[in-house]
Amino acid sequence: MEHKVRLTFFGGVHRVGGNIVLLEDLDYDVKIFLDFGINTIDFSKFRKNFPDNNETKVLTDCHVLPREIDLPIKNVYSKYFIFDHNKSQYPQKVRECEGKVDPPTNLDGILISHPHRDHYRGISFINRNIPIYTGVVTKRIIKAYSRSSAQRFENFLYGLKWIRFRTGNVIQIKNMEIYPVHVDHSIPVAYGFIICTSAGIIVYTGDFRMHGPLQLMTADLIKKVKEVCKTKGQIESDFTYREGEVVALICEGTHIHKGSIESERIVKRHLRKLFNIMPFDYVIVQYGRIDWDRFRIYVDIAKKYNWKYIIFDKDAYFYNRLNKKAIYDSMKDPNIEATDNIIILSQEKRKFQWKKEVDQMLGNIGKSERIIHLEDLKHLDGRFFLYVTSIQYYDIIKNYLPKDLRGVFISSNVDPYAEEYRMDKRFISTDLLDIGVPSYRIHASGHAKPHDIIRFVHEIDPLKLIPIHTEHPEFFRKLFREERIEVVLPIRSVPIEISP
C-alpha cells in the first residue's frame, strides 16, 4: 500500500519539551512543521558550551535544532536574518535586513500550538519566506517576550511572516484543511490542531490539561474532532456513508506515568488556608511569567488580604501587553494599570523602549508612586508578595530583603520538570534557609494526568497513538495494551508512515 503521509519527529522524543514534528502529505504536496521549539535543557547546555556562538549551524550540529541534511526541505533556515549580538546592535541588524529576501523554500508553514518557548523558540532562525501560523494572542506573547528579553539571536523575530488564527478559523494550505481549536493549559492561548490529510485525520494536542479553569476548551477540541470526522467521510461502493476517522493522534504525555488530583481552585484554597493563620510578613513567590492562571490567583489573594504584589518592571511590561486587546476575559484581569496593589520594582537603569513604556503607563494615569526601587524593599513594613521568575531575579533582590521581617518562599511553578527549574527551586530554597526563610510548594500542573489522557484518547479513538513531550513514551503501550489502538513510539528523525 502506498504511503501518502509521513510524520517525522525531530523534537519532543523521549523528552519533555522541544516539540518539532514534520508532516509531509505527498498527495497534497504539503510540508508543514507542528511546533518548532527548543528543549530548555538542550539550549542551556548549548549556551554553557558555546557562550558566544550565534550560528545556526552549531545549534543544528548539537541537535538542538534539526540538521538540514536530515530534512526533505530546501533552505529551512534563514540566510540573512540571523542576529549576532557580538557583531552588531539590534537596530543595526534590522537596518541590514531591510530589503533582504531569503532563498526560496518548499516548506509550506510552521504551526505554533502555544507560546511556551519549548514549542516556538526555533522560529528566530527560520527562513523568512516560511509562514508562521499562530493564535492571535500567541503572537502577542511571543513578541512581548522578544521585546523585553536580552537582544540575542534566539529573540530576533524581525522579518517573520505571521499568519494569525482563532478557534473557528480554518487554515487552508493547498488542499489541506487544518482546524485550530483552543485547549486548557497553564495559559489560555493554547491550541490543538485537527489536520485533514489525504490519508485521513491527524490530531495534534500540543500541551493540554483537563483539570484547569478552562477545561471546557479541551472538551471543545474533542467535540470538533467528532464533528470533522462526520463531515470528512466517504461514500462506499454500496452507497452507504462511512465517517472519517482519526488515523493518528499525536498526544502529549508529560505526566502519563504519574498523577495527582489537583486544580487551580485547590491552589487558591491552600493559599487561603495559609493566609488565615499567616505568621509571615512577606512572601517570595516563584512561577513562570507566562502562567496567567497562577498570576491571577496570587494577585487575587493579595487583594483579598490587602497585601502588595511586587513584580519587576519587565513583568509589568509583559502583562500590560497582554491586557491590551485581550480576546479572553481571563486575560483582562489582573489589569496592570488598574490594580493599585500591584507594585512595580524598577531595577534596570538603562532606558530600553519597553521600560519607557512602563514608566509612561503609570505616569499617564498619575500613579507613578506605584514604581519602587531596590533600596525601597529594605524599608517595607511587610504584607507584600515579591515575585521572581528565576535565580537571576532572586539574585537581584536577595540582598535587599528586610532583615527585621519574617519571610517565606513559595515555589509555584506549574511544571518543574526541567532540570533548570528544579535547580532554581533548590538554590533559592537552600539560600533562604541561611536567613531563616522556610519553603513551601503549592502548584497545579499545566499538563493532563493519566486518567485524563486515557479519557481523551478514548474520546478521540485513533488508529495510531503517537506519544510526544514525555520521558515515558513506553508507558502509553502499557496503558493501552489491551485495546485496538496501535501505539507507535517515535524515533528521532525516523519517518512514521500513515496510510488511509
Protein backbone atom coordinates (compact mmCIF):
# COMPACT_ATOMS: atom_id res chain seq x y z
CA MET A 1 0.00 0.00 0.00
CA GLU A 2 1.33 3.43 -0.96
CA HIS A 3 2.06 5.69 1.98
CA LYS A 4 0.62 9.14 1.40
CA VAL A 5 1.56 10.85 4.64
CA ARG A 6 4.70 10.85 6.78
CA LEU A 7 5.31 12.13 10.30
CA THR A 8 8.92 12.70 11.36
CA PHE A 9 9.73 13.75 14.92
CA PHE A 10 12.78 15.98 15.39
CA GLY A 11 12.00 17.08 18.95
CA GLY A 12 9.90 16.06 21.93
CA VAL A 13 11.05 12.44 21.56
CA HIS A 14 11.64 10.80 24.95
CA ARG A 15 11.86 14.39 26.21
CA VAL A 16 9.58 16.93 27.82
CA GLY A 17 9.60 19.95 25.55
CA GLY A 18 11.24 20.92 22.30
CA ASN A 19 8.41 19.70 20.08
CA ILE A 20 9.22 19.63 16.35
CA VAL A 21 7.11 17.38 14.09
CA LEU A 22 7.36 17.40 10.30
CA LEU A 23 4.16 16.42 8.49
CA GLU A 24 4.50 15.58 4.78
CA ASP A 25 1.47 14.91 2.60
CA LEU A 26 2.60 13.57 -0.78
CA ASP A 27 -0.83 13.72 -2.44
CA TYR A 28 -1.46 17.30 -1.37
CA ASP A 29 2.18 18.30 -1.88
CA VAL A 30 2.29 19.88 1.58
CA LYS A 31 5.12 20.05 4.10
CA ILE A 32 4.50 21.69 7.49
CA PHE A 33 6.02 21.66 10.95
CA LEU A 34 3.86 21.22 14.03
CA ASP A 35 5.66 23.47 16.53
CA PHE A 36 9.31 24.43 16.21
CA GLY A 37 10.55 24.50 19.78
CA ILE A 38 13.87 24.12 21.53
CA ASN A 39 14.27 21.89 24.56
CA THR A 40 15.12 24.08 27.56
CA ILE A 41 17.86 21.81 28.90
CA ASP A 42 19.46 21.40 25.46
CA PHE A 43 19.56 25.15 24.95
CA SER A 44 21.07 25.72 28.41
CA LYS A 45 23.83 23.22 27.58
CA PHE A 46 24.42 24.91 24.24
CA ARG A 47 24.80 28.30 25.91
CA LYS A 48 27.13 26.85 28.55
CA ASN A 49 29.38 25.16 25.96
CA PHE A 50 29.20 27.92 23.34
CA PRO A 51 28.50 31.15 25.28
CA ASP A 52 29.44 33.50 22.44
CA ASN A 53 28.38 31.44 19.44
CA ASN A 54 25.48 32.73 17.37
CA GLU A 55 25.48 30.37 14.40
CA THR A 56 22.55 28.23 13.36
CA LYS A 57 24.97 25.53 12.20
CA VAL A 58 26.27 25.00 15.73
CA LEU A 59 22.69 24.64 17.01
CA THR A 60 21.97 22.01 14.36
CA ASP A 61 25.30 20.21 14.83
CA CYS A 62 24.44 19.91 18.53
CA HIS A 63 20.97 18.57 17.55
CA VAL A 64 19.26 21.43 19.35
CA LEU A 65 17.50 22.01 16.01
CA PRO A 66 17.16 19.62 13.03
CA ARG A 67 20.09 19.43 10.64
CA GLU A 68 19.21 20.49 7.11
CA ILE A 69 20.82 17.31 5.81
CA ASP A 70 18.13 15.31 7.68
CA LEU A 71 15.25 17.33 6.25
CA PRO A 72 13.43 16.91 2.91
CA ILE A 73 13.21 20.70 2.83
CA LYS A 74 15.23 23.29 0.97
CA ASN A 75 16.52 26.34 2.81
CA VAL A 76 14.66 25.85 6.08
CA TYR A 77 16.95 28.26 7.94
CA SER A 78 17.44 31.93 7.21
CA LYS A 79 20.43 33.18 5.25
CA TYR A 80 20.20 36.86 6.16
CA PHE A 81 18.20 37.18 9.39
CA ILE A 82 20.47 35.51 11.98
CA PHE A 83 21.41 38.08 14.62
CA ASP A 84 24.89 38.06 16.19
CA HIS A 85 24.92 40.47 19.13
CA ASN A 86 28.73 40.25 19.22
CA LYS A 87 28.93 41.90 15.79
CA SER A 88 26.10 44.42 15.77
CA GLN A 89 23.38 46.08 17.81
CA TYR A 90 19.74 45.12 17.30
CA PRO A 91 18.72 48.31 15.42
CA GLN A 92 21.77 47.99 13.17
CA LYS A 93 20.85 44.39 12.32
CA VAL A 94 17.30 45.44 11.46
CA ARG A 95 18.67 48.04 9.04
CA GLU A 96 20.95 45.42 7.49
CA CYS A 97 17.97 43.11 6.92
CA GLU A 98 15.82 45.72 5.19
CA GLY A 99 15.30 44.70 1.57
CA LYS A 100 16.89 41.27 2.07
CA VAL A 101 15.00 38.19 0.84
CA ASP A 102 15.82 34.65 1.92
CA PRO A 103 16.17 31.94 -0.77
CA PRO A 104 13.05 30.01 -1.91
CA THR A 105 11.91 27.08 0.23
CA ASN A 106 9.44 24.21 -0.16
CA LEU A 107 8.21 24.30 3.46
CA ASP A 108 4.59 25.47 3.48
CA GLY A 109 4.40 26.67 7.06
CA ILE A 110 5.00 26.20 10.78
CA LEU A 111 2.04 25.85 13.14
CA ILE A 112 2.74 27.03 16.70
CA SER A 113 0.42 25.46 19.29
CA HIS A 114 1.13 27.93 22.13
CA PRO A 115 3.72 30.45 23.33
CA HIS A 116 5.88 28.34 25.61
CA ARG A 117 9.44 28.59 24.36
CA ASP A 118 9.89 24.83 24.14
CA HIS A 119 7.30 25.00 21.34
CA TYR A 120 8.34 28.11 19.38
CA ARG A 121 11.89 29.19 20.22
CA GLY A 122 13.37 27.89 16.95
CA ILE A 123 11.40 30.28 14.73
CA SER A 124 14.04 33.01 15.13
CA PHE A 125 16.28 31.02 12.81
CA ILE A 126 13.66 30.21 10.18
CA ASN A 127 13.72 31.27 6.52
CA ARG A 128 11.60 34.44 6.33
CA ASN A 129 9.63 33.07 3.35
CA ILE A 130 8.01 30.44 5.61
CA PRO A 131 4.64 31.43 7.12
CA ILE A 132 4.39 31.17 10.92
CA TYR A 133 0.81 30.26 11.91
CA THR A 134 -0.07 31.30 15.48
CA GLY A 135 -3.06 32.23 17.57
CA VAL A 136 -3.73 35.97 17.82
CA VAL A 137 -2.59 36.22 21.45
CA THR A 138 0.21 33.71 20.92
CA LYS A 139 1.87 36.12 18.52
CA ARG A 140 1.42 38.97 21.00
CA ILE A 141 3.06 36.96 23.79
CA ILE A 142 5.98 35.84 21.63
CA LYS A 143 6.69 39.41 20.53
CA ALA A 144 6.36 40.77 24.08
CA TYR A 145 8.86 38.16 25.26
CA SER A 146 11.23 39.15 22.49
CA ARG A 147 11.00 42.88 23.19
CA SER A 148 11.59 42.51 26.94
CA SER A 149 14.34 39.86 26.67
CA ALA A 150 18.05 40.11 26.04
CA GLN A 151 18.90 41.11 22.47
CA ARG A 152 20.28 37.76 21.37
CA PHE A 153 19.89 35.62 18.28
CA GLU A 154 17.16 33.43 19.79
CA ASN A 155 14.98 36.53 20.28
CA PHE A 156 15.38 38.10 16.82
CA LEU A 157 11.97 37.95 15.13
CA TYR A 158 12.37 40.69 12.54
CA GLY A 159 11.06 39.77 9.09
CA LEU A 160 8.95 36.78 10.14
CA LYS A 161 5.79 36.19 8.10
CA TRP A 162 2.95 35.84 10.62
CA ILE A 163 -0.49 34.40 9.86
CA ARG A 164 -2.85 34.57 12.85
CA PHE A 165 -5.82 32.37 13.65
CA ARG A 166 -8.56 31.88 16.22
CA THR A 167 -10.75 28.95 17.19
CA GLY A 168 -13.39 28.68 14.47
CA ASN A 169 -10.99 29.57 11.66
CA VAL A 170 -9.92 27.07 9.02
CA ILE A 171 -6.30 27.15 7.87
CA GLN A 172 -6.10 26.22 4.18
CA ILE A 173 -2.69 25.09 2.90
CA LYS A 174 -3.17 23.97 -0.71
CA ASN A 175 -5.75 21.13 -0.44
CA MET A 176 -5.13 20.55 3.27
CA GLU A 177 -7.59 21.89 5.84
CA ILE A 178 -6.47 22.48 9.43
CA TYR A 179 -8.80 23.34 12.30
CA PRO A 180 -7.15 25.07 15.28
CA VAL A 181 -9.13 24.57 18.49
CA HIS A 182 -8.31 26.05 21.90
CA VAL A 183 -7.39 23.69 24.76
CA ASP A 184 -6.91 24.14 28.50
CA HIS A 185 -3.28 24.66 29.52
CA SER A 186 -1.47 26.88 32.01
CA ILE A 187 -2.13 29.79 29.62
CA PRO A 188 -5.46 30.48 27.89
CA VAL A 189 -3.95 30.71 24.40
CA ALA A 190 -3.03 27.07 23.72
CA TYR A 191 -4.34 25.18 20.69
CA GLY A 192 -4.64 21.67 19.36
CA PHE A 193 -4.82 21.04 15.61
CA ILE A 194 -7.16 18.82 13.58
CA ILE A 195 -5.39 18.21 10.28
CA CYS A 196 -7.31 16.79 7.31
CA THR A 197 -4.67 14.98 5.26
CA SER A 198 -5.06 12.82 2.16
CA ALA A 199 -4.62 9.75 4.40
CA GLY A 200 -7.23 10.80 6.96
CA ILE A 201 -7.49 12.99 10.03
CA ILE A 202 -4.44 13.63 12.23
CA VAL A 203 -4.89 15.28 15.63
CA TYR A 204 -2.03 17.10 17.39
CA THR A 205 -2.76 18.02 21.01
CA GLY A 206 0.06 20.46 21.72
CA ASP A 207 0.14 20.77 25.52
CA PHE A 208 -3.19 20.36 27.30
CA ARG A 209 -4.92 19.53 30.54
CA MET A 210 -8.45 18.74 31.69
CA HIS A 211 -8.36 19.98 35.29
CA GLY A 212 -7.87 23.73 34.83
CA PRO A 213 -10.34 26.63 34.90
CA LEU A 214 -10.72 26.39 31.10
CA GLN A 215 -11.15 22.62 30.89
CA LEU A 216 -14.20 23.08 28.65
CA MET A 217 -11.81 24.27 25.95
CA THR A 218 -10.27 20.79 25.79
CA ALA A 219 -13.80 19.42 25.55
CA ASP A 220 -14.28 21.73 22.54
CA LEU A 221 -11.34 20.04 20.80
CA ILE A 222 -12.88 16.60 21.37
CA LYS A 223 -16.24 17.85 20.10
CA LYS A 224 -14.67 19.39 16.99
CA VAL A 225 -12.76 16.18 16.17
CA LYS A 226 -16.03 14.23 16.18
CA GLU A 227 -17.70 16.90 14.06
CA VAL A 228 -14.90 16.84 11.48
CA CYS A 229 -14.97 13.03 11.37
CA LYS A 230 -18.67 13.19 10.45
CA THR A 231 -18.10 15.64 7.60
CA LYS A 232 -14.89 14.12 6.20
CA GLY A 233 -16.24 10.65 5.42
CA GLN A 234 -16.77 8.96 2.08
CA ILE A 235 -19.44 7.11 0.10
CA GLU A 236 -18.80 3.36 -0.01
CA SER A 237 -19.45 1.10 -3.02
CA ASP A 238 -22.84 0.13 -1.57
CA PHE A 239 -23.70 3.86 -1.31
CA THR A 240 -23.51 3.88 2.48
CA TYR A 241 -21.70 6.75 4.15
CA ARG A 242 -18.60 5.96 6.21
CA GLU A 243 -17.45 8.65 8.61
CA GLY A 244 -13.88 9.82 8.59
CA GLU A 245 -11.56 8.55 11.29
CA VAL A 246 -8.55 9.76 13.17
CA VAL A 247 -5.66 7.86 11.61
CA ALA A 248 -3.14 9.28 14.08
CA LEU A 249 -3.25 11.12 17.40
CA ILE A 250 -0.03 12.87 18.43
CA CYS A 251 -0.60 13.18 22.17
CA GLU A 252 1.47 14.88 24.84
CA GLY A 253 2.28 12.72 27.86
CA THR A 254 4.25 14.81 30.33
CA HIS A 255 2.52 13.12 33.28
CA ILE A 256 1.44 9.83 31.68
CA HIS A 257 3.37 7.87 34.34
CA LYS A 258 2.11 9.62 37.48
CA GLY A 259 -0.93 11.55 38.57
CA SER A 260 -2.47 13.63 41.29
CA ILE A 261 -5.84 15.22 41.86
CA GLU A 262 -5.28 18.95 41.62
CA SER A 263 -6.67 22.17 40.19
CA GLU A 264 -6.16 25.92 40.30
CA ARG A 265 -9.03 26.04 42.82
CA ILE A 266 -7.02 23.79 45.14
CA VAL A 267 -4.02 26.12 44.78
CA LYS A 268 -6.19 29.04 45.84
CA ARG A 269 -7.67 27.04 48.73
CA HIS A 270 -4.19 26.16 50.05
CA LEU A 271 -3.10 29.79 49.87
CA ARG A 272 -6.20 30.94 51.75
CA LYS A 273 -5.55 28.31 54.40
CA LEU A 274 -2.01 29.62 54.85
CA PHE A 275 -3.16 33.24 54.97
CA ASN A 276 -5.88 32.56 57.52
CA ILE A 277 -3.11 31.75 60.02
CA MET A 278 -0.42 33.88 58.36
CA PRO A 279 2.66 34.14 60.63
CA PHE A 280 4.89 35.59 57.89
CA ASP A 281 5.46 39.24 56.99
CA TYR A 282 6.28 38.73 53.31
CA VAL A 283 6.20 36.02 50.64
CA ILE A 284 8.72 35.40 47.88
CA VAL A 285 6.89 33.50 45.15
CA GLN A 286 8.25 31.85 42.02
CA TYR A 287 6.38 30.65 38.91
CA GLY A 288 6.70 31.06 35.14
CA ARG A 289 5.93 34.55 33.89
CA ILE A 290 3.61 33.22 31.22
CA ASP A 291 1.42 31.28 33.68
CA TRP A 292 -1.54 33.64 33.71
CA ASP A 293 -3.72 31.45 35.95
CA ARG A 294 -1.08 31.49 38.67
CA PHE A 295 -0.53 35.24 38.32
CA ARG A 296 -4.26 35.88 38.71
CA ILE A 297 -4.58 33.63 41.77
CA TYR A 298 -1.73 35.32 43.64
CA VAL A 299 -2.95 38.83 42.83
CA ASP A 300 -6.45 37.83 43.97
CA ILE A 301 -5.02 36.60 47.28
CA ALA A 302 -3.02 39.82 47.66
CA LYS A 303 -6.16 41.91 47.11
CA LYS A 304 -8.26 39.79 49.46
CA TYR A 305 -5.79 40.18 52.34
CA ASN A 306 -4.71 43.74 51.46
CA TRP A 307 -1.12 42.83 50.59
CA LYS A 308 1.09 44.47 47.97
CA TYR A 309 2.06 42.35 44.96
CA ILE A 310 5.52 43.41 43.76
CA ILE A 311 6.63 42.47 40.25
CA PHE A 312 9.65 43.51 38.19
CA ASP A 313 9.29 46.16 35.50
CA LYS A 314 9.85 43.54 32.79
CA ASP A 315 6.93 41.54 34.15
CA ALA A 316 4.76 44.66 34.21
CA TYR A 317 5.58 45.38 30.58
CA PHE A 318 4.80 41.80 29.58
CA TYR A 319 1.49 41.59 31.45
CA ASN A 320 0.36 45.01 30.24
CA ARG A 321 0.94 43.94 26.63
CA LEU A 322 -1.41 41.02 27.25
CA ASN A 323 -4.03 43.22 28.93
CA LYS A 324 -4.23 45.32 25.78
CA LYS A 325 -6.65 43.95 23.19
CA ALA A 326 -7.21 40.81 25.29
CA ILE A 327 -9.54 38.46 23.43
CA TYR A 328 -10.18 36.36 26.55
CA ASP A 329 -11.84 37.94 29.59
CA SER A 330 -9.45 35.92 31.76
CA MET A 331 -6.53 37.94 30.34
CA LYS A 332 -8.06 41.31 31.24
CA ASP A 333 -7.66 40.57 34.94
CA PRO A 334 -5.34 41.26 36.72
CA ASN A 335 -5.05 44.61 34.96
CA ILE A 336 -1.63 46.17 35.47
CA GLU A 337 -2.85 49.76 35.15
CA ALA A 338 -6.00 49.42 37.25
CA THR A 339 -4.82 47.14 40.09
CA ASP A 340 -3.36 49.50 42.68
CA ASN A 341 -1.88 46.81 44.91
CA ILE A 342 0.40 45.71 42.04
CA ILE A 343 3.70 47.49 42.71
CA ILE A 344 6.41 47.68 40.03
CA LEU A 345 10.03 47.15 41.03
CA SER A 346 12.34 49.15 38.76
CA GLN A 347 15.86 47.74 38.66
CA GLU A 348 17.09 48.37 35.11
CA LYS A 349 18.97 51.67 34.86
CA ARG A 350 19.20 51.68 31.07
CA LYS A 351 16.18 53.21 29.35
CA PHE A 352 15.06 50.49 26.95
CA GLN A 353 11.93 51.23 24.97
CA TRP A 354 9.92 48.67 26.94
CA LYS A 355 11.00 50.35 30.20
CA LYS A 356 9.96 53.77 28.93
CA GLU A 357 6.54 52.32 28.13
CA VAL A 358 6.17 51.03 31.71
CA ASP A 359 7.10 54.43 33.17
CA GLN A 360 4.71 56.21 30.81
CA MET A 361 1.91 53.73 31.52
CA LEU A 362 1.70 54.71 35.21
CA GLY A 363 2.78 58.31 34.69
CA ASN A 364 -0.08 58.94 32.27
CA ILE A 365 -2.65 57.89 34.86
CA GLY A 366 -0.98 59.69 37.77
CA LYS A 367 0.21 56.56 39.57
CA SER A 368 3.99 56.84 39.36
CA GLU A 369 4.15 56.21 43.12
CA ARG A 370 3.49 52.53 42.33
CA ILE A 371 7.04 52.30 40.97
CA ILE A 372 9.64 51.48 43.63
CA HIS A 373 13.37 50.70 43.59
CA LEU A 374 15.54 48.00 45.14
CA GLU A 375 16.54 50.13 48.15
CA ASP A 376 12.86 50.62 48.95
CA LEU A 377 12.49 46.89 49.66
CA LYS A 378 14.60 47.22 52.81
CA HIS A 379 12.16 49.69 54.31
CA LEU A 380 8.86 47.95 53.63
CA ASP A 381 6.75 47.17 56.69
CA GLY A 382 5.66 43.75 55.48
CA ARG A 383 2.44 42.44 53.96
CA PHE A 384 3.88 42.06 50.48
CA PHE A 385 4.48 39.39 47.86
CA LEU A 386 7.73 39.59 45.89
CA TYR A 387 7.51 37.71 42.58
CA VAL A 388 10.64 36.26 40.94
CA THR A 389 10.75 34.14 37.79
CA SER A 390 14.23 32.63 38.18
CA ILE A 391 17.55 32.58 40.03
CA GLN A 392 18.61 35.68 38.09
CA TYR A 393 15.73 37.69 39.55
CA TYR A 394 16.26 36.23 43.01
CA ASP A 395 19.93 37.24 42.90
CA ILE A 396 18.85 40.82 42.23
CA ILE A 397 16.58 41.10 45.28
CA LYS A 398 18.13 38.80 47.88
CA ASN A 399 20.39 41.44 49.46
CA TYR A 400 17.51 43.91 49.75
CA LEU A 401 15.10 41.79 51.80
CA PRO A 402 14.04 43.42 55.11
CA LYS A 403 16.22 41.82 57.79
CA ASP A 404 13.79 42.51 60.65
CA LEU A 405 10.83 40.75 58.98
CA ARG A 406 9.89 37.07 58.80
CA GLY A 407 9.56 35.74 55.24
CA VAL A 408 8.52 32.57 53.42
CA PHE A 409 9.30 31.20 49.95
CA ILE A 410 6.56 29.54 47.85
CA SER A 411 7.58 27.58 44.76
CA SER A 412 4.59 27.59 42.45
CA ASN A 413 5.99 26.63 39.04
CA VAL A 414 3.31 24.89 37.01
CA ASP A 415 5.58 22.05 35.91
CA PRO A 416 9.07 21.96 37.40
CA TYR A 417 10.08 19.02 35.18
CA ALA A 418 13.02 20.78 33.53
CA GLU A 419 16.25 20.45 35.44
CA GLU A 420 16.81 24.22 35.42
CA TYR A 421 13.51 24.71 37.29
CA ARG A 422 14.47 22.12 39.88
CA MET A 423 17.86 23.78 40.25
CA ASP A 424 16.23 27.20 40.65
CA LYS A 425 13.96 25.93 43.42
CA ARG A 426 16.77 24.07 45.21
CA PHE A 427 19.14 27.02 45.01
CA ILE A 428 16.62 29.59 46.22
CA SER A 429 15.30 27.31 48.99
CA THR A 430 18.80 26.47 50.23
CA ASP A 431 19.98 30.07 50.08
CA LEU A 432 16.95 31.34 52.00
CA LEU A 433 17.45 28.76 54.76
CA ASP A 434 20.54 30.71 55.82
CA ILE A 435 18.38 33.70 56.74
CA GLY A 436 15.56 31.68 58.31
CA VAL A 437 13.10 31.66 55.40
CA PRO A 438 11.24 28.31 55.03
CA SER A 439 9.94 26.94 51.72
CA TYR A 440 6.53 25.71 50.57
CA ARG A 441 5.35 24.04 47.37
CA ILE A 442 1.87 24.98 46.11
CA HIS A 443 1.01 24.25 42.49
CA ALA A 444 -1.26 22.67 39.90
CA SER A 445 0.11 21.17 36.70
CA GLY A 446 -0.40 22.58 33.23
CA HIS A 447 -0.47 19.04 31.79
CA ALA A 448 -3.04 16.27 31.70
CA LYS A 449 -2.89 13.46 34.25
CA PRO A 450 -3.00 9.73 33.34
CA HIS A 451 -6.75 9.36 33.93
CA ASP A 452 -7.48 12.37 31.73
CA ILE A 453 -5.12 11.23 28.97
CA ILE A 454 -6.85 7.83 28.90
CA ARG A 455 -10.26 9.52 28.71
CA PHE A 456 -9.07 11.89 25.99
CA VAL A 457 -7.61 9.07 23.86
CA HIS A 458 -10.81 7.05 24.17
CA GLU A 459 -12.86 10.06 23.04
CA ILE A 460 -10.64 10.67 20.00
CA ASP A 461 -10.42 6.92 19.22
CA PRO A 462 -7.42 6.99 16.87
CA LEU A 463 -5.99 4.12 14.83
CA LYS A 464 -2.45 5.15 15.79
CA LEU A 465 -1.39 6.84 19.03
CA ILE A 466 1.99 8.58 18.97
CA PRO A 467 3.35 9.95 22.28
CA ILE A 468 5.28 13.21 22.40
CA HIS A 469 6.52 15.61 25.10
CA THR A 470 7.17 12.79 27.57
CA GLU A 471 10.09 10.98 29.16
CA HIS A 472 7.96 7.82 29.38
CA PRO A 473 6.52 7.09 25.91
CA GLU A 474 6.61 3.32 26.52
CA PHE A 475 4.05 3.83 29.29
CA PHE A 476 1.43 4.54 26.62
CA ARG A 477 1.91 0.98 25.33
CA LYS A 478 1.35 -0.44 28.78
CA LEU A 479 -1.78 1.61 29.38
CA PHE A 480 -3.38 0.76 26.04
CA ARG A 481 -2.02 -2.78 25.58
CA GLU A 482 -5.47 -4.41 25.58
CA GLU A 483 -7.00 -2.06 23.03
CA ARG A 484 -7.16 -1.92 19.24
CA ILE A 485 -5.18 1.33 19.23
CA GLU A 486 -1.67 0.90 17.82
CA VAL A 487 0.82 2.80 19.96
CA VAL A 488 3.76 3.93 17.82
CA LEU A 489 6.84 5.16 19.68
CA PRO A 490 8.63 7.81 17.63
CA ILE A 491 12.35 7.69 16.97
CA ARG A 492 14.07 10.97 16.27
CA SER A 493 14.46 11.67 12.53
CA VAL A 494 12.82 8.35 11.51
CA PRO A 495 9.60 8.81 9.47
CA ILE A 496 6.33 7.19 10.58
CA GLU A 497 4.22 6.22 7.58
CA ILE A 498 0.50 6.96 7.77
CA SER A 499 -1.80 5.05 5.41
CA PRO A 500 -5.52 5.61 4.76
